[in-house]
Amino acid sequence: GIKGTPEMVVNGKYRLSAKMAGGQGGMLKVADYLITLERNSQSTGS
């Protein structure tokens, strides 16, 4: 589960925090990447 803020989970698979990503801007970039990755894997049926 979520242990602090800001923190988010993408598709129940990836948990990320601003601290992990080097700040809030980095966290949003990583989240965008993971969301794109998950959308692409779902559209291809992987």
PDB file of N, CA and C in Angstrom:
ATOM      1  N   GLY A   1       0.812  -1.193   0.000  1.00  0.00           N
ATOM      2  CA  GLY A   1       0.000   0.000   0.000  1.00  0.00           C
ATOM      3  C   GLY A   1       0.853   1.253   0.000  1.00  0.00           C
ATOM      4  N   ILE A   2       0.180   2.346  -0.067  1.00  0.00           N
ATOM      5  CA  ILE A   2       0.817   3.659  -0.047  1.00  0.00           C
ATOM      6  C   ILE A   2       1.340   3.929   1.362  1.00  0.00           C
ATOM      7  N   LYS A   3       2.605   4.320   1.470  1.00  0.00           N
ATOM      8  CA  LYS A   3       3.223   4.541   2.782  1.00  0.00           C
ATOM      9  C   LYS A   3       3.527   6.003   3.053  1.00  0.00           C
ATOM     10  N   GLY A   4       3.468   6.837   2.048  1.00  0.00           N
ATOM     11  CA  GLY A   4       3.768   8.249   2.227  1.00  0.00           C
ATOM     12  C   GLY A   4       3.283   9.039   1.034  1.00  0.00           C
ATOM     13  N   THR A   5       3.455  10.332   1.086  1.00  0.00           N
ATOM     14  CA  THR A   5       3.050  11.153  -0.036  1.00  0.00           C
ATOM     15  C   THR A   5       4.223  12.022  -0.455  1.00  0.00           C
ATOM     16  N   PRO A   6       4.371  12.404  -1.687  1.00  0.00           N
ATOM     17  CA  PRO A   6       3.579  11.852  -2.775  1.00  0.00           C
ATOM     18  C   PRO A   6       4.079  10.465  -3.170  1.00  0.00           C
ATOM     19  N   GLU A   7       3.149   9.596  -3.419  1.00  0.00           N
ATOM     20  CA  GLU A   7       3.430   8.224  -3.833  1.00  0.00           C
ATOM     21  C   GLU A   7       2.260   7.760  -4.675  1.00  0.00           C
ATOM     22  N   MET A   8       2.521   6.945  -5.679  1.00  0.00           N
ATOM     23  CA  MET A   8       1.425   6.430  -6.503  1.00  0.00           C
ATOM     24  C   MET A   8       1.728   5.020  -6.962  1.00  0.00           C
ATOM     25  N   VAL A   9       0.661   4.341  -7.360  1.00  0.00           N
ATOM     26  CA  VAL A   9       0.758   2.988  -7.889  1.00  0.00           C
ATOM     27  C   VAL A   9       0.183   3.018  -9.297  1.00  0.00           C
ATOM     28  N   VAL A  10       0.891   2.411 -10.231  1.00  0.00           N
ATOM     29  CA  VAL A  10       0.445   2.351 -11.619  1.00  0.00           C
ATOM     30  C   VAL A  10      -0.003   0.934 -11.922  1.00  0.00           C
ATOM     31  N   ASN A  11      -1.273   0.784 -12.243  1.00  0.00           N
ATOM     32  CA  ASN A  11      -1.879  -0.485 -12.655  1.00  0.00           C
ATOM     33  C   ASN A  11      -1.662  -1.611 -11.640  1.00  0.00           C
ATOM     34  N   GLY A  12      -1.524  -1.267 -10.384  1.00  0.00           N
ATOM     35  CA  GLY A  12      -1.353  -2.275  -9.344  1.00  0.00           C
ATOM     36  C   GLY A  12      -0.021  -3.007  -9.390  1.00  0.00           C
ATOM     37  N   LYS A  13       0.885  -2.579 -10.268  1.00  0.00           N
ATOM     38  CA  LYS A  13       2.162  -3.274 -10.453  1.00  0.00           C
ATOM     39  C   LYS A  13       3.362  -2.481  -9.968  1.00  0.00           C
ATOM     40  N   TYR A  14       3.319  -1.179 -10.143  1.00  0.00           N
ATOM     41  CA  TYR A  14       4.487  -0.342  -9.902  1.00  0.00           C
ATOM     42  C   TYR A  14       4.164   0.715  -8.857  1.00  0.00           C
ATOM     43  N   ARG A  15       4.943   0.747  -7.793  1.00  0.00           N
ATOM     44  CA  ARG A  15       4.786   1.780  -6.767  1.00  0.00           C
ATOM     45  C   ARG A  15       5.966   2.722  -6.881  1.00  0.00           C
ATOM     46  N   LEU A  16       5.691   4.006  -6.969  1.00  0.00           N
ATOM     47  CA  LEU A  16       6.772   4.958  -7.070  1.00  0.00           C
ATOM     48  C   LEU A  16       6.525   6.159  -6.177  1.00  0.00           C
ATOM     49  N   SER A  17       7.612   6.776  -5.785  1.00  0.00           N
ATOM     50  CA  SER A  17       7.543   7.957  -4.935  1.00  0.00           C
ATOM     51  C   SER A  17       8.463   9.028  -5.506  1.00  0.00           C
ATOM     52  N   ALA A  18       8.248  10.248  -5.052  1.00  0.00           N
ATOM     53  CA  ALA A  18       9.106  11.347  -5.482  1.00  0.00           C
ATOM     54  C   ALA A  18      10.551  11.088  -5.064  1.00  0.00           C
ATOM     55  N   LYS A  19      10.737  10.509  -3.894  1.00  0.00           N
ATOM     56  CA  LYS A  19      12.097  10.233  -3.408  1.00  0.00           C
ATOM     57  C   LYS A  19      12.817   9.251  -4.330  1.00  0.00           C
ATOM     58  N   MET A  20      12.117   8.202  -4.767  1.00  0.00           N
ATOM     59  CA  MET A  20      12.712   7.204  -5.667  1.00  0.00           C
ATOM     60  C   MET A  20      13.111   7.817  -7.002  1.00  0.00           C
ATOM     61  N   ALA A  21      12.278   8.753  -7.484  1.00  0.00           N
ATOM     62  CA  ALA A  21      12.447   9.288  -8.833  1.00  0.00           C
ATOM     63  C   ALA A  21      13.220  10.602  -8.863  1.00  0.00           C
ATOM     64  N   GLY A  22      13.728  11.038  -7.732  1.00  0.00           N
ATOM     65  CA  GLY A  22      14.517  12.262  -7.706  1.00  0.00           C
ATOM     66  C   GLY A  22      13.698  13.534  -7.687  1.00  0.00           C
ATOM     67  N   GLY A  23      12.469  13.456  -7.235  1.00  0.00           N
ATOM     68  CA  GLY A  23      11.606  14.636  -7.135  1.00  0.00           C
ATOM     69  C   GLY A  23      10.257  14.389  -7.787  1.00  0.00           C
ATOM     70  N   GLN A  24       9.344  15.338  -7.574  1.00  0.00           N
ATOM     71  CA  GLN A  24       7.994  15.165  -8.106  1.00  0.00           C
ATOM     72  C   GLN A  24       7.966  15.163  -9.628  1.00  0.00           C
ATOM     73  N   GLY A  25       8.776  16.019 -10.248  1.00  0.00           N
ATOM     74  CA  GLY A  25       8.833  16.040 -11.710  1.00  0.00           C
ATOM     75  C   GLY A  25       9.305  14.713 -12.272  1.00  0.00           C
ATOM     76  N   GLY A  26      10.319  14.146 -11.642  1.00  0.00           N
ATOM     77  CA  GLY A  26      10.821  12.842 -12.066  1.00  0.00           C
ATOM     78  C   GLY A  26       9.792  11.755 -11.867  1.00  0.00           C
ATOM     79  N   MET A  27       9.052  11.840 -10.757  1.00  0.00           N
ATOM     80  CA  MET A  27       8.023  10.845 -10.479  1.00  0.00           C
ATOM     81  C   MET A  27       6.947  10.873 -11.566  1.00  0.00           C
ATOM     82  N   LEU A  28       6.559  12.064 -11.994  1.00  0.00           N
ATOM     83  CA  LEU A  28       5.539  12.166 -13.035  1.00  0.00           C
ATOM     84  C   LEU A  28       6.054  11.649 -14.373  1.00  0.00           C
ATOM     85  N   LYS A  29       7.318  11.874 -14.673  1.00  0.00           N
ATOM     86  CA  LYS A  29       7.899  11.341 -15.912  1.00  0.00           C
ATOM     87  C   LYS A  29       7.924   9.815 -15.886  1.00  0.00           C
ATOM     88  N   VAL A  30       8.317   9.250 -14.752  1.00  0.00           N
ATOM     89  CA  VAL A  30       8.332   7.791 -14.616  1.00  0.00           C
ATOM     90  C   VAL A  30       6.910   7.250 -14.715  1.00  0.00           C
ATOM     91  N   ALA A  31       5.957   7.912 -14.073  1.00  0.00           N
ATOM     92  CA  ALA A  31       4.559   7.476 -14.134  1.00  0.00           C
ATOM     93  C   ALA A  31       4.057   7.507 -15.572  1.00  0.00           C
ATOM     94  N   ASP A  32       4.346   8.571 -16.308  1.00  0.00           N
ATOM     95  CA  ASP A  32       3.942   8.654 -17.717  1.00  0.00           C
ATOM     96  C   ASP A  32       4.511   7.487 -18.513  1.00  0.00           C
ATOM     97  N   TYR A  33       5.781   7.178 -18.286  1.00  0.00           N
ATOM     98  CA  TYR A  33       6.424   6.067 -18.981  1.00  0.00           C
ATOM     99  C   TYR A  33       5.732   4.745 -18.651  1.00  0.00           C
ATOM    100  N   LEU A  34       5.480   4.503 -17.369  1.00  0.00           N
ATOM    101  CA  LEU A  34       4.863   3.239 -16.960  1.00  0.00           C
ATOM    102  C   LEU A  34       3.431   3.119 -17.473  1.00  0.00           C
ATOM    103  N   ILE A  35       2.704   4.223 -17.487  1.00  0.00           N
ATOM    104  CA  ILE A  35       1.335   4.207 -18.021  1.00  0.00           C
ATOM    105  C   ILE A  35       1.362   3.858 -19.501  1.00  0.00           C
ATOM    106  N   THR A  36       2.278   4.462 -20.245  1.00  0.00           N
ATOM    107  CA  THR A  36       2.413   4.147 -21.674  1.00  0.00           C
ATOM    108  C   THR A  36       2.780   2.683 -21.871  1.00  0.00           C
ATOM    109  N   LEU A  37       3.705   2.192 -21.068  1.00  0.00           N
ATOM    110  CA  LEU A  37       4.123   0.794 -21.137  1.00  0.00           C
ATOM    111  C   LEU A  37       2.932  -0.134 -20.904  1.00  0.00           C
ATOM    112  N   GLU A  38       2.139   0.152 -19.889  1.00  0.00           N
ATOM    113  CA  GLU A  38       0.981  -0.681 -19.569  1.00  0.00           C
ATOM    114  C   GLU A  38      -0.094  -0.593 -20.645  1.00  0.00           C
ATOM    115  N   ARG A  39      -0.342   0.594 -21.162  1.00  0.00           N
ATOM    116  CA  ARG A  39      -1.333   0.739 -22.245  1.00  0.00           C
ATOM    117  C   ARG A  39      -0.911  -0.074 -23.460  1.00  0.00           C
ATOM    118  N   ASN A  40       0.361   0.012 -23.820  1.00  0.00           N
ATOM    119  CA  ASN A  40       0.857  -0.728 -24.980  1.00  0.00           C
ATOM    120  C   ASN A  40       0.772  -2.229 -24.758  1.00  0.00           C
ATOM    121  N   SER A  41       1.080  -2.698 -23.560  1.00  0.00           N
ATOM    122  CA  SER A  41       1.027  -4.139 -23.303  1.00  0.00           C
ATOM    123  C   SER A  41      -0.412  -4.637 -23.299  1.00  0.00           C
ATOM    124  N   GLN A  42      -1.350  -3.806 -22.868  1.00  0.00           N
ATOM    125  CA  GLN A  42      -2.759  -4.208 -22.878  1.00  0.00           C
ATOM    126  C   GLN A  42      -3.322  -4.212 -24.291  1.00  0.00           C
ATOM    127  N   SER A  43      -2.885  -3.265 -25.123  1.00  0.00           N
ATOM    128  CA  SER A  43      -3.411  -3.203 -26.485  1.00  0.00           C
ATOM    129  C   SER A  43      -2.868  -4.329 -27.358  1.00  0.00           C
ATOM    130  N   THR A  44      -1.704  -4.875 -26.997  1.00  0.00           N
ATOM    131  CA  THR A  44      -1.142  -5.985 -27.765  1.00  0.00           C
ATOM    132  C   THR A  44      -1.516  -7.335 -27.162  1.00  0.00           C
ATOM    133  N   GLY A  45      -2.195  -7.300 -26.022  1.00  0.00           N
ATOM    134  CA  GLY A  45      -2.618  -8.541 -25.387  1.00  0.00           C
ATOM    135  C   GLY A  45      -1.547  -9.229 -24.588  1.00  0.00           C
ATOM    136  N   SER A  46      -0.449  -8.558 -24.317  1.00  0.00           N
ATOM    137  CA  SER A  46       0.656  -9.153 -23.547  1.00  0.00           C
ATOM    138  C   SER A  46       0.344  -9.177 -22.076  1.00  0.00           C
TER     139      SER A  46
END
